[in-house]
C-alpha cells in the first residue's frame, strides 16, 4: 500500500504542477522529489488493479501499460494520465465505472511520454477536457502521430 500511495502522490503532485503551469523540467524534477521509491521497479509484478489511497482517490496500477490515478468528485471524475494504448484506457474506464457512474470530465497529462497520453482520445470522445502544461501539449501534438503509428497493432 505504501508503494501505491507513493505512486499516487507522485502522479497527483505532477498533475498539480501541470495545472499551475510549471515547465516540463520543473514537474519532472518535482516528480522525482515527491516519490523516489515509487519510480523504482517493483519487487514483483502486479496485474492491473485499482487501490483506494484516500477518500474518493484511487490509483490504477498497471505494469502492462502505465499507472494512472483518478479522483471522484461531485461534478465528475478527474483522471491523471491515460495509459499507453486506447484498449488500456478502456479497461481503466471500466474500473472507474465499477466505482461510479459519473463521467470523466477532466484528464490531466503529467508529461508527453506515450504511456501517459496515448489513451487521451478515449476520454476526449466522451467529452473530457484534457489539461496539460503548454510544453507537454506541444510535444504531444508533435509526436502523437509517430507514437500512434508505431503502436498500431
N, C-alpha and C. Protein backbone atom coordinates (compact mmCIF):
# COMPACT_ATOMS: atom_id res chain seq x y z
N UNK A 1 0.82 -1.19 0.00
CA UNK A 1 0.00 0.00 0.00
C UNK A 1 0.87 1.25 0.00
N UNK A 2 1.98 1.24 0.73
CA UNK A 2 2.85 2.42 0.78
C UNK A 2 3.36 2.76 -0.61
N UNK A 3 3.74 1.75 -1.40
CA UNK A 3 4.23 1.99 -2.75
C UNK A 3 3.13 2.60 -3.63
N UNK A 4 1.92 2.11 -3.50
CA UNK A 4 0.80 2.66 -4.27
C UNK A 4 0.56 4.11 -3.86
N UNK A 5 0.61 4.42 -2.58
CA UNK A 5 0.44 5.79 -2.13
C UNK A 5 1.54 6.69 -2.68
N UNK A 6 2.76 6.17 -2.77
CA UNK A 6 3.86 6.96 -3.33
C UNK A 6 3.61 7.25 -4.80
N UNK A 7 3.18 6.23 -5.56
CA UNK A 7 2.88 6.44 -6.98
C UNK A 7 1.76 7.47 -7.13
N UNK A 8 0.69 7.31 -6.38
CA UNK A 8 -0.44 8.23 -6.48
C UNK A 8 0.00 9.65 -6.11
N UNK A 9 0.80 9.78 -5.07
CA UNK A 9 1.30 11.08 -4.65
C UNK A 9 2.13 11.72 -5.76
N UNK A 10 2.97 10.92 -6.40
CA UNK A 10 3.80 11.45 -7.48
C UNK A 10 2.95 11.91 -8.65
N UNK A 11 1.97 11.10 -9.06
CA UNK A 11 1.11 11.47 -10.17
C UNK A 11 0.31 12.73 -9.87
N UNK A 12 -0.26 12.78 -8.68
CA UNK A 12 -1.06 13.95 -8.34
C UNK A 12 -0.20 15.19 -8.15
N UNK A 13 0.99 15.02 -7.60
CA UNK A 13 1.91 16.15 -7.48
C UNK A 13 2.30 16.70 -8.83
N UNK A 14 2.60 15.81 -9.77
CA UNK A 14 2.94 16.25 -11.12
C UNK A 14 1.73 16.91 -11.77
N UNK A 15 0.54 16.36 -11.55
CA UNK A 15 -0.67 16.96 -12.11
C UNK A 15 -0.88 18.37 -11.57
N UNK A 16 -0.64 18.56 -10.29
CA UNK A 16 -0.79 19.89 -9.70
C UNK A 16 0.17 20.88 -10.35
N UNK A 17 1.38 20.45 -10.63
CA UNK A 17 2.34 21.33 -11.28
C UNK A 17 1.92 21.67 -12.70
N UNK A 18 1.30 20.68 -13.39
CA UNK A 18 0.79 20.94 -14.74
C UNK A 18 -0.27 22.03 -14.70
N UNK A 19 -1.21 21.87 -13.79
CA UNK A 19 -2.32 22.81 -13.69
C UNK A 19 -1.83 24.22 -13.33
N UNK A 20 -0.77 24.32 -12.55
CA UNK A 20 -0.25 25.63 -12.18
C UNK A 20 0.71 26.20 -13.23
N UNK A 21 0.97 25.44 -14.30
CA UNK A 21 1.72 25.97 -15.43
C UNK A 21 3.22 25.87 -15.34
N UNK A 22 3.75 25.04 -14.45
CA UNK A 22 5.19 24.92 -14.36
C UNK A 22 5.73 24.16 -15.57
N UNK A 23 7.00 24.34 -15.86
CA UNK A 23 7.59 23.74 -17.05
C UNK A 23 7.75 22.23 -16.89
N UNK A 24 7.93 21.56 -18.03
CA UNK A 24 8.16 20.12 -18.04
C UNK A 24 9.34 19.74 -17.16
N UNK A 25 10.41 20.48 -17.25
CA UNK A 25 11.60 20.18 -16.44
C UNK A 25 11.29 20.34 -14.95
N UNK A 26 10.53 21.37 -14.60
CA UNK A 26 10.20 21.59 -13.18
C UNK A 26 9.36 20.46 -12.62
N UNK A 27 8.32 20.03 -13.35
CA UNK A 27 7.49 18.99 -12.76
C UNK A 27 8.14 17.62 -12.87
N UNK A 28 9.02 17.40 -13.84
CA UNK A 28 9.77 16.13 -13.86
C UNK A 28 10.70 16.07 -12.65
N UNK A 29 11.33 17.20 -12.33
CA UNK A 29 12.21 17.27 -11.16
C UNK A 29 11.39 17.04 -9.88
N UNK A 30 10.24 17.67 -9.79
CA UNK A 30 9.38 17.51 -8.62
C UNK A 30 8.87 16.09 -8.49
N UNK A 31 8.57 15.45 -9.60
CA UNK A 31 8.10 14.08 -9.57
C UNK A 31 9.12 13.19 -8.88
N UNK A 32 10.40 13.40 -9.19
CA UNK A 32 11.45 12.63 -8.55
C UNK A 32 11.56 12.91 -7.06
N UNK A 33 11.32 14.14 -6.66
CA UNK A 33 11.38 14.50 -5.25
C UNK A 33 10.20 13.94 -4.46
N UNK A 34 9.03 13.93 -5.10
CA UNK A 34 7.82 13.53 -4.38
C UNK A 34 7.83 12.07 -3.96
N UNK A 35 8.33 11.20 -4.82
CA UNK A 35 8.22 9.78 -4.50
C UNK A 35 9.36 8.99 -5.16
N UNK A 36 10.59 9.17 -4.71
CA UNK A 36 11.70 8.47 -5.35
C UNK A 36 11.54 6.95 -5.33
N UNK A 37 10.99 6.39 -4.26
CA UNK A 37 10.79 4.95 -4.21
C UNK A 37 9.77 4.48 -5.23
N UNK A 38 8.81 5.32 -5.53
CA UNK A 38 7.76 4.95 -6.48
C UNK A 38 8.29 4.84 -7.90
N UNK A 39 9.44 5.45 -8.18
CA UNK A 39 9.99 5.42 -9.51
C UNK A 39 10.87 4.20 -9.76
N UNK A 40 11.15 3.44 -8.73
CA UNK A 40 11.96 2.23 -8.88
C UNK A 40 11.09 1.07 -9.30
N UNK A 41 11.65 0.08 -10.03
CA UNK A 41 10.85 -1.08 -10.42
C UNK A 41 10.30 -1.80 -9.20
N UNK A 42 9.12 -2.34 -9.36
CA UNK A 42 8.50 -3.10 -8.27
C UNK A 42 9.27 -4.39 -8.04
N UNK A 43 9.26 -4.87 -6.81
CA UNK A 43 9.92 -6.12 -6.48
C UNK A 43 9.23 -7.29 -7.17
N UNK A 44 7.92 -7.18 -7.34
CA UNK A 44 7.19 -8.22 -8.06
C UNK A 44 6.20 -7.54 -8.99
N UNK A 45 5.79 -8.25 -10.01
CA UNK A 45 4.87 -7.71 -10.97
C UNK A 45 3.44 -7.73 -10.42
N UNK A 46 2.66 -6.74 -10.79
CA UNK A 46 1.27 -6.65 -10.37
C UNK A 46 0.38 -6.68 -11.61
N UNK A 47 -0.72 -7.40 -11.54
CA UNK A 47 -1.72 -7.30 -12.58
C UNK A 47 -2.39 -5.93 -12.43
N UNK A 48 -3.03 -5.47 -13.48
CA UNK A 48 -3.72 -4.19 -13.39
C UNK A 48 -4.75 -4.26 -12.27
N UNK A 49 -4.72 -3.26 -11.41
CA UNK A 49 -5.63 -3.24 -10.27
C UNK A 49 -5.85 -1.83 -9.80
N UNK A 50 -6.94 -1.63 -9.10
CA UNK A 50 -7.29 -0.33 -8.52
C UNK A 50 -7.16 -0.46 -7.01
N UNK A 51 -6.53 0.55 -6.41
CA UNK A 51 -6.47 0.60 -4.95
C UNK A 51 -6.89 1.99 -4.51
N UNK A 52 -7.73 2.04 -3.50
CA UNK A 52 -8.13 3.32 -2.93
C UNK A 52 -7.01 3.80 -2.01
N UNK A 53 -6.58 5.05 -2.20
CA UNK A 53 -5.49 5.59 -1.40
C UNK A 53 -5.92 6.71 -0.47
N UNK A 54 -7.13 7.22 -0.68
CA UNK A 54 -7.71 8.27 0.16
C UNK A 54 -9.19 8.32 -0.20
N UNK A 55 -9.99 9.03 0.59
CA UNK A 55 -11.39 9.13 0.22
C UNK A 55 -11.55 9.66 -1.21
N UNK A 56 -12.24 8.92 -2.04
CA UNK A 56 -12.55 9.30 -3.42
C UNK A 56 -11.32 9.34 -4.34
N UNK A 57 -10.15 8.93 -3.87
CA UNK A 57 -8.93 8.94 -4.67
C UNK A 57 -8.44 7.52 -4.86
N UNK A 58 -8.18 7.17 -6.13
CA UNK A 58 -7.81 5.80 -6.48
C UNK A 58 -6.56 5.80 -7.34
N UNK A 59 -5.80 4.73 -7.19
CA UNK A 59 -4.59 4.54 -8.00
C UNK A 59 -4.80 3.31 -8.85
N UNK A 60 -4.57 3.44 -10.15
CA UNK A 60 -4.69 2.33 -11.10
C UNK A 60 -3.29 1.88 -11.46
N UNK A 61 -2.92 0.75 -10.92
CA UNK A 61 -1.57 0.19 -11.07
C UNK A 61 -1.61 -0.78 -12.25
N UNK A 62 -0.84 -0.52 -13.31
CA UNK A 62 -0.88 -1.36 -14.49
C UNK A 62 0.52 -1.54 -15.04
N UNK A 63 1.18 -2.61 -14.63
CA UNK A 63 2.54 -2.88 -15.11
C UNK A 63 2.59 -3.09 -16.62
N UNK A 64 1.48 -3.52 -17.23
CA UNK A 64 1.47 -3.77 -18.66
C UNK A 64 1.40 -2.52 -19.51
N UNK A 65 1.08 -1.39 -18.92
CA UNK A 65 0.95 -0.15 -19.69
C UNK A 65 1.59 0.98 -18.91
N UNK A 66 0.88 1.55 -17.98
CA UNK A 66 1.41 2.60 -17.12
C UNK A 66 0.46 2.76 -15.95
N UNK A 67 0.73 3.69 -15.11
CA UNK A 67 -0.11 3.92 -13.93
C UNK A 67 -0.93 5.18 -14.13
N UNK A 68 -2.08 5.19 -13.49
CA UNK A 68 -2.96 6.35 -13.52
C UNK A 68 -3.52 6.56 -12.12
N UNK A 69 -4.07 7.71 -11.92
CA UNK A 69 -4.81 7.98 -10.68
C UNK A 69 -6.12 8.63 -11.09
N UNK A 70 -7.13 8.48 -10.25
CA UNK A 70 -8.37 9.18 -10.53
C UNK A 70 -9.06 9.59 -9.24
N UNK A 71 -9.72 10.74 -9.33
CA UNK A 71 -10.40 11.34 -8.20
C UNK A 71 -11.87 11.49 -8.56
N UNK A 72 -12.74 10.94 -7.73
CA UNK A 72 -14.17 11.06 -7.93
C UNK A 72 -14.65 12.29 -7.17
N UNK A 73 -15.25 13.25 -7.89
CA UNK A 73 -15.76 14.47 -7.27
C UNK A 73 -17.28 14.53 -7.46
N UNK A 74 -17.91 15.52 -6.86
CA UNK A 74 -19.35 15.70 -7.04
C UNK A 74 -19.71 15.95 -8.51
N UNK A 75 -18.83 16.67 -9.23
CA UNK A 75 -19.10 17.04 -10.62
C UNK A 75 -18.73 15.96 -11.62
N UNK A 76 -17.82 15.10 -11.27
CA UNK A 76 -17.35 14.08 -12.21
C UNK A 76 -16.00 13.55 -11.76
N UNK A 77 -15.35 12.86 -12.67
CA UNK A 77 -14.08 12.19 -12.35
C UNK A 77 -12.93 12.93 -13.02
N UNK A 78 -11.84 13.11 -12.28
CA UNK A 78 -10.59 13.65 -12.81
C UNK A 78 -9.62 12.48 -12.91
N UNK A 79 -9.04 12.27 -14.10
CA UNK A 79 -8.07 11.20 -14.32
C UNK A 79 -6.70 11.83 -14.56
N UNK A 80 -5.68 11.25 -13.95
CA UNK A 80 -4.31 11.69 -14.17
C UNK A 80 -3.61 10.61 -14.99
N UNK A 81 -3.25 10.95 -16.21
CA UNK A 81 -2.58 10.09 -17.19
C UNK A 81 -3.50 8.97 -17.67
N UNK A 82 -3.46 8.71 -18.99
CA UNK A 82 -4.48 7.87 -19.61
C UNK A 82 -3.98 6.56 -20.21
N UNK A 83 -2.83 6.11 -19.82
CA UNK A 83 -2.34 4.81 -20.27
C UNK A 83 -1.66 4.89 -21.65
N UNK A 84 -1.08 3.77 -22.06
CA UNK A 84 -0.27 3.70 -23.26
C UNK A 84 -1.08 3.38 -24.51
N UNK A 85 -2.18 2.66 -24.36
CA UNK A 85 -2.99 2.25 -25.50
C UNK A 85 -4.45 2.55 -25.21
N UNK A 86 -5.25 2.88 -26.23
CA UNK A 86 -6.67 3.08 -26.00
C UNK A 86 -7.35 1.87 -25.34
N UNK A 87 -6.93 0.67 -25.68
CA UNK A 87 -7.53 -0.52 -25.04
C UNK A 87 -7.27 -0.51 -23.54
N UNK A 88 -6.06 -0.08 -23.13
CA UNK A 88 -5.75 0.03 -21.70
C UNK A 88 -6.63 1.09 -21.05
N UNK A 89 -6.88 2.17 -21.79
CA UNK A 89 -7.71 3.25 -21.26
C UNK A 89 -9.15 2.79 -21.10
N UNK A 90 -9.63 1.99 -22.04
CA UNK A 90 -10.99 1.46 -21.91
C UNK A 90 -11.09 0.55 -20.68
N UNK A 91 -10.04 -0.21 -20.39
CA UNK A 91 -10.04 -1.03 -19.16
C UNK A 91 -10.04 -0.12 -17.92
N UNK A 92 -9.26 0.95 -17.95
CA UNK A 92 -9.27 1.92 -16.86
C UNK A 92 -10.67 2.50 -16.69
N UNK A 93 -11.28 2.89 -17.80
CA UNK A 93 -12.65 3.42 -17.74
C UNK A 93 -13.60 2.40 -17.12
N UNK A 94 -13.43 1.12 -17.46
CA UNK A 94 -14.26 0.07 -16.89
C UNK A 94 -14.08 -0.03 -15.38
N UNK A 95 -12.85 0.13 -14.91
CA UNK A 95 -12.60 0.10 -13.46
C UNK A 95 -13.24 1.31 -12.77
N UNK A 96 -13.18 2.46 -13.43
CA UNK A 96 -13.82 3.65 -12.88
C UNK A 96 -15.33 3.42 -12.79
N UNK A 97 -15.91 2.82 -13.82
CA UNK A 97 -17.36 2.56 -13.84
C UNK A 97 -17.80 1.61 -12.73
N UNK A 98 -16.91 0.74 -12.27
CA UNK A 98 -17.25 -0.14 -11.15
C UNK A 98 -17.46 0.65 -9.86
N UNK A 99 -16.86 1.85 -9.80
CA UNK A 99 -16.92 2.67 -8.58
C UNK A 99 -17.91 3.83 -8.67
N UNK A 100 -18.14 4.32 -9.88
CA UNK A 100 -19.04 5.47 -10.04
C UNK A 100 -19.57 5.51 -11.47
N UNK A 101 -20.77 6.07 -11.61
CA UNK A 101 -21.32 6.28 -12.95
C UNK A 101 -21.11 7.72 -13.42
N UNK A 102 -20.39 8.50 -12.63
CA UNK A 102 -20.10 9.89 -13.01
C UNK A 102 -19.16 9.92 -14.21
N UNK A 103 -19.33 10.90 -15.08
CA UNK A 103 -18.47 10.97 -16.27
C UNK A 103 -17.05 11.41 -15.93
N UNK A 104 -16.12 10.99 -16.76
CA UNK A 104 -14.76 11.53 -16.67
C UNK A 104 -14.81 12.90 -17.34
N UNK A 105 -14.65 13.93 -16.54
CA UNK A 105 -14.78 15.30 -17.04
C UNK A 105 -13.43 15.95 -17.34
N UNK A 106 -12.39 15.50 -16.63
CA UNK A 106 -11.07 16.11 -16.80
C UNK A 106 -10.00 15.04 -16.85
N UNK A 107 -9.01 15.27 -17.70
CA UNK A 107 -7.82 14.43 -17.77
C UNK A 107 -6.62 15.35 -17.64
N UNK A 108 -5.75 15.06 -16.71
CA UNK A 108 -4.50 15.81 -16.56
C UNK A 108 -3.38 14.91 -17.06
N UNK A 109 -2.62 15.41 -18.02
CA UNK A 109 -1.48 14.67 -18.56
C UNK A 109 -0.22 15.26 -17.92
N UNK A 110 0.52 14.42 -17.19
CA UNK A 110 1.68 14.93 -16.46
C UNK A 110 2.87 15.20 -17.36
N UNK A 111 3.05 14.38 -18.41
CA UNK A 111 4.13 14.65 -19.36
C UNK A 111 3.90 13.86 -20.64
N UNK A 112 4.68 14.17 -21.67
CA UNK A 112 4.41 13.70 -23.02
C UNK A 112 5.11 12.40 -23.38
N UNK A 113 5.19 11.47 -22.48
CA UNK A 113 5.64 10.13 -22.84
C UNK A 113 4.41 9.34 -23.22
N UNK A 114 4.53 8.51 -24.23
CA UNK A 114 3.38 7.82 -24.82
C UNK A 114 2.53 7.09 -23.81
N UNK A 115 3.15 6.54 -22.77
CA UNK A 115 2.37 5.76 -21.80
C UNK A 115 1.53 6.65 -20.88
N UNK A 116 1.62 7.95 -21.06
CA UNK A 116 0.84 8.86 -20.25
C UNK A 116 -0.28 9.54 -21.04
N UNK A 117 -0.22 9.49 -22.38
CA UNK A 117 -1.21 10.27 -23.13
C UNK A 117 -1.85 9.58 -24.32
N UNK A 118 -1.40 8.43 -24.75
CA UNK A 118 -1.99 7.84 -25.95
C UNK A 118 -3.43 7.36 -25.74
N UNK A 119 -3.86 7.27 -24.51
CA UNK A 119 -5.25 6.92 -24.25
C UNK A 119 -6.18 8.13 -24.20
N UNK A 120 -5.66 9.33 -24.36
CA UNK A 120 -6.48 10.54 -24.28
C UNK A 120 -7.72 10.50 -25.17
N UNK A 121 -7.63 10.01 -26.42
CA UNK A 121 -8.82 10.06 -27.30
C UNK A 121 -10.04 9.33 -26.73
N UNK A 122 -9.83 8.32 -25.91
CA UNK A 122 -10.97 7.60 -25.32
C UNK A 122 -11.81 8.55 -24.47
N UNK A 123 -11.16 9.29 -23.59
CA UNK A 123 -11.90 10.21 -22.73
C UNK A 123 -12.31 11.48 -23.46
N UNK A 124 -11.50 11.93 -24.41
CA UNK A 124 -11.84 13.12 -25.20
C UNK A 124 -13.14 12.87 -25.97
N UNK A 125 -13.30 11.67 -26.54
CA UNK A 125 -14.51 11.33 -27.29
C UNK A 125 -15.75 11.36 -26.40
N UNK A 126 -15.55 11.20 -25.11
CA UNK A 126 -16.66 11.22 -24.16
C UNK A 126 -16.88 12.62 -23.55
N UNK A 127 -16.10 13.61 -24.05
CA UNK A 127 -16.31 14.98 -23.62
C UNK A 127 -15.36 15.50 -22.55
N UNK A 128 -14.36 14.71 -22.16
CA UNK A 128 -13.42 15.16 -21.13
C UNK A 128 -12.56 16.32 -21.64
N UNK A 129 -12.22 17.20 -20.74
CA UNK A 129 -11.29 18.29 -21.02
C UNK A 129 -9.89 17.77 -20.70
N UNK A 130 -8.97 17.90 -21.66
CA UNK A 130 -7.59 17.46 -21.48
C UNK A 130 -6.77 18.66 -21.01
N UNK A 131 -6.06 18.49 -19.89
CA UNK A 131 -5.26 19.56 -19.29
C UNK A 131 -3.81 19.12 -19.27
N UNK A 132 -2.94 20.00 -19.75
CA UNK A 132 -1.50 19.73 -19.66
C UNK A 132 -0.76 21.05 -19.67
N UNK A 133 0.50 20.99 -19.31
CA UNK A 133 1.36 22.15 -19.37
C UNK A 133 1.62 22.43 -20.86
N UNK A 134 1.82 23.68 -21.24
CA UNK A 134 1.91 24.02 -22.67
C UNK A 134 3.04 23.29 -23.39
N UNK A 135 4.20 23.08 -22.76
CA UNK A 135 5.28 22.34 -23.41
C UNK A 135 4.87 20.90 -23.65
N UNK A 136 4.16 20.33 -22.70
CA UNK A 136 3.67 18.96 -22.84
C UNK A 136 2.69 18.88 -24.00
N UNK A 137 1.79 19.85 -24.09
CA UNK A 137 0.82 19.88 -25.19
C UNK A 137 1.55 19.92 -26.53
N UNK A 138 2.54 20.77 -26.63
CA UNK A 138 3.28 20.89 -27.89
C UNK A 138 3.98 19.57 -28.24
N UNK A 139 4.55 18.91 -27.25
CA UNK A 139 5.23 17.63 -27.51
C UNK A 139 4.23 16.55 -27.89
N UNK A 140 3.07 16.52 -27.22
CA UNK A 140 2.05 15.54 -27.59
C UNK A 140 1.59 15.76 -29.02
N UNK A 141 1.37 17.01 -29.41
CA UNK A 141 0.94 17.30 -30.77
C UNK A 141 2.01 16.92 -31.78
N UNK A 142 3.25 17.20 -31.45
CA UNK A 142 4.34 16.92 -32.37
C UNK A 142 4.55 15.42 -32.58
N UNK A 143 4.44 14.63 -31.52
CA UNK A 143 4.80 13.21 -31.59
C UNK A 143 3.62 12.25 -31.60
N UNK A 144 2.39 12.75 -31.50
CA UNK A 144 1.25 11.84 -31.41
C UNK A 144 1.17 10.87 -32.59
N UNK A 145 1.23 11.39 -33.82
CA UNK A 145 1.09 10.52 -34.99
C UNK A 145 2.19 9.46 -35.03
N UNK A 146 3.44 9.86 -34.76
CA UNK A 146 4.54 8.89 -34.75
C UNK A 146 4.32 7.82 -33.68
N UNK A 147 3.95 8.25 -32.49
CA UNK A 147 3.74 7.29 -31.40
C UNK A 147 2.57 6.36 -31.70
N UNK A 148 1.47 6.91 -32.21
CA UNK A 148 0.30 6.10 -32.53
C UNK A 148 0.61 5.12 -33.66
N UNK A 149 1.31 5.58 -34.69
CA UNK A 149 1.65 4.70 -35.82
C UNK A 149 2.57 3.56 -35.41
N UNK A 150 3.47 3.80 -34.47
CA UNK A 150 4.38 2.75 -34.01
C UNK A 150 3.64 1.67 -33.24
N UNK A 151 2.46 1.96 -32.78
CA UNK A 151 1.71 1.03 -31.93
C UNK A 151 0.39 0.57 -32.54
N UNK A 152 0.28 0.62 -33.83
CA UNK A 152 -0.99 0.27 -34.48
C UNK A 152 -1.50 -1.12 -34.11
N UNK A 153 -0.63 -2.08 -33.98
CA UNK A 153 -1.08 -3.43 -33.63
C UNK A 153 -1.67 -3.45 -32.24
